[in-house]
Every structure is written in structure tokens, then in C-alpha cells.
Protein backbone atom coordinates (compact mmCIF):
# COMPACT_ATOMS: atom_id res chain seq x y z
CA MET A 1 -0.71 11.81 38.64
CA LEU A 2 0.74 9.94 36.02
CA ASN A 3 -1.76 7.29 35.54
CA TYR A 4 -4.87 9.69 35.58
CA SER A 5 -3.10 11.94 32.83
CA PHE A 6 -2.43 8.49 31.01
CA ALA A 7 -6.15 7.39 30.98
CA VAL A 8 -7.34 11.05 29.83
CA GLY A 9 -4.75 10.90 26.93
CA LYS A 10 -6.17 7.51 26.13
CA GLU A 11 -9.59 8.38 26.55
CA SER A 12 -9.25 11.16 23.82
CA GLU A 13 -7.45 9.15 21.59
CA ASP A 14 -10.06 6.81 21.29
CA THR A 15 -12.81 9.15 20.78
CA GLN A 16 -10.71 11.18 17.74
CA GLY A 17 -9.65 8.02 16.11
CA ASN A 18 -8.55 7.40 12.55
CA ARG A 19 -10.07 10.17 10.39
CA CYS A 20 -9.86 7.99 7.18
CA LYS A 21 -11.48 4.93 8.78
CA LEU A 22 -14.35 7.88 10.13
CA ALA A 23 -14.54 8.94 6.25
CA VAL A 24 -15.39 5.35 5.11
CA ASN A 25 -17.86 4.44 7.44
CA GLN A 26 -19.49 7.76 7.20
CA ASN A 27 -19.69 8.48 3.57
CA THR A 28 -19.48 5.31 1.27
CA GLU A 29 -21.64 2.20 1.68
CA TYR A 30 -19.01 0.48 2.89
CA GLN A 31 -17.89 -0.67 6.54
CA VAL A 32 -14.24 -0.73 7.92
CA THR A 33 -13.57 -4.82 9.27
CA GLY A 34 -9.78 -4.15 9.56
CA ILE A 35 -6.63 -2.48 8.46
CA TYR A 36 -4.65 -3.97 5.28
CA GLY A 37 -1.10 -4.14 6.56
CA SER A 38 0.10 -3.23 9.58
CA PRO A 39 -1.59 -0.76 12.14
CA LEU A 40 2.30 0.85 12.72
CA GLU A 41 2.72 1.50 9.06
CA SER A 42 2.26 5.22 7.80
CA GLU A 43 -0.25 5.65 5.27
CA TRP A 44 -0.05 4.41 1.27
CA HIS A 45 1.12 6.88 -1.08
CA PRO A 46 -1.24 6.84 -3.83
CA ALA A 47 1.52 5.67 -6.37
CA ALA A 48 2.46 2.61 -4.11
CA ALA A 49 -1.28 1.97 -3.92
CA TYR A 50 -1.05 1.88 -7.74
CA VAL A 51 1.46 -0.37 -7.96
CA LEU A 52 -0.18 -2.80 -5.70
CA ILE A 53 -3.35 -2.77 -7.74
CA ARG A 54 -1.21 -3.53 -10.85
CA GLU A 55 0.51 -6.26 -9.40
CA MET A 56 -2.69 -7.59 -8.20
CA TYR A 57 -3.88 -7.85 -11.50
CA ARG A 58 -1.04 -9.42 -12.77
CA PHE A 59 -1.43 -12.06 -10.35
CA GLU A 60 -5.02 -11.84 -11.30
CA VAL A 61 -6.32 -11.72 -8.02
CA LEU A 62 -8.19 -8.84 -8.56
CA ARG A 63 -12.10 -8.95 -10.05
CA ARG A 64 -12.25 -5.15 -10.22
CA GLU A 65 -11.15 -1.88 -9.19
CA PHE A 66 -13.17 1.31 -8.65
CA GLN A 67 -13.16 5.07 -7.13
CA GLN A 68 -15.42 7.13 -5.03
CA LYS A 69 -14.96 10.86 -4.53
CA THR A 70 -16.48 13.25 -2.08
CA GLU A 71 -15.61 17.00 -1.88
CA LEU A 72 -13.23 15.90 0.75
CA TRP A 73 -12.27 12.49 0.12
CA ARG A 74 -11.24 9.84 -2.49
CA PHE A 75 -11.60 6.24 -2.30
CA GLU A 76 -9.94 3.66 -4.29
CA PHE A 77 -11.90 0.15 -3.98
CA ALA A 78 -10.13 -3.32 -5.23
CA GLU A 79 -12.60 -6.19 -5.21
CA MET A 80 -10.53 -9.26 -4.99
CA SER A 81 -11.42 -12.73 -6.41
CA VAL A 82 -11.40 -14.17 -3.12
CA GLY A 83 -14.19 -11.81 -2.25
CA LYS A 84 -12.42 -9.48 0.30
CA THR A 85 -12.49 -5.85 -0.46
CA ILE A 86 -9.81 -3.40 -0.15
CA VAL A 87 -9.97 0.42 0.10
CA PHE A 88 -7.44 3.07 0.19
CA VAL A 89 -8.37 6.73 1.29
CA TYR A 90 -6.98 9.73 0.60
CA HIS A 91 -7.57 13.28 1.84
CA GLN A 92 -8.39 15.68 -1.42
CA ILE A 93 -6.57 18.60 0.37
CA GLN A 94 -4.03 17.37 2.83
CA LEU A 95 -2.48 14.63 0.76
CA ALA A 96 -0.14 13.18 3.43
CA GLY A 97 -0.44 12.57 6.94
CA TYR A 98 -3.86 13.28 8.10
CA CYS A 99 -5.52 10.19 8.79
CA GLY A 100 -3.82 9.75 12.14
CA GLY A 101 -2.99 6.02 10.98
CA PRO A 102 -3.46 3.62 8.37
CA ASN A 103 -5.48 4.96 4.98
CA ALA A 104 -5.95 1.40 3.97
CA PHE A 105 -8.74 -1.23 4.99
CA PHE A 106 -10.51 -4.22 4.90
CA VAL A 107 -14.32 -3.34 3.88
CA ILE A 108 -17.67 -5.14 3.57
CA LYS A 109 -20.82 -3.42 2.27
CA LYS A 110 -23.20 -2.36 4.83
């Protein structure tokens, strides 16, 4: 009985997925390729992402940054000088704990 309930829980977890990752894949012209940071970390607060982006500028590893918004989502992109792009994803209404996992990802253009 325990194995059965574990299998059902695992299946529903895989089906639901990370809401922020799904939002990037569905609402932007980018595709998520991996998590920026640890998959065990909670979501990045916008202030922490802002500080990280300022430090990227300071160390001259950031080429440019830009934002994309939808009614429900805000995507903050950072293109680094080494060719990698990172996106920080925020839900416009529920600002914390909405993703169901990390909210910072490496992405590539589709």
C-alpha cells in the first residue's frame, strides 16, 4: 500500500511541475534548459535578483538586461557576456511561494 501511494504522489508532482518554468516556456520566446542555483533553494526575492544583476554589471559579465511582462507574470532576463541567459520569474499577484520550486533559470531562444 505504501508503494502505491508513493507512485501516485510522484506522478501528480511530475504532472504539475514548476509553475514558473511552465510560464517561461509558454509565455516567452525562450525555453528553460536548467535551474540557476540549487533546485532545493526557495524562490529568489526581486531585491536579491536586483543585487545579483548589479554585481554582474560590476564584474562586467552582464551584456544586457530586459523585462517582459504578461498580465500574470514578470520575466527579468539577464544576458551574460559568455553567451548564457538567465531569467528570474515572478507572479504579478502572489509574489512569494507560487512557483512550487525555483524561479531562476538558464534559458535559450526557441
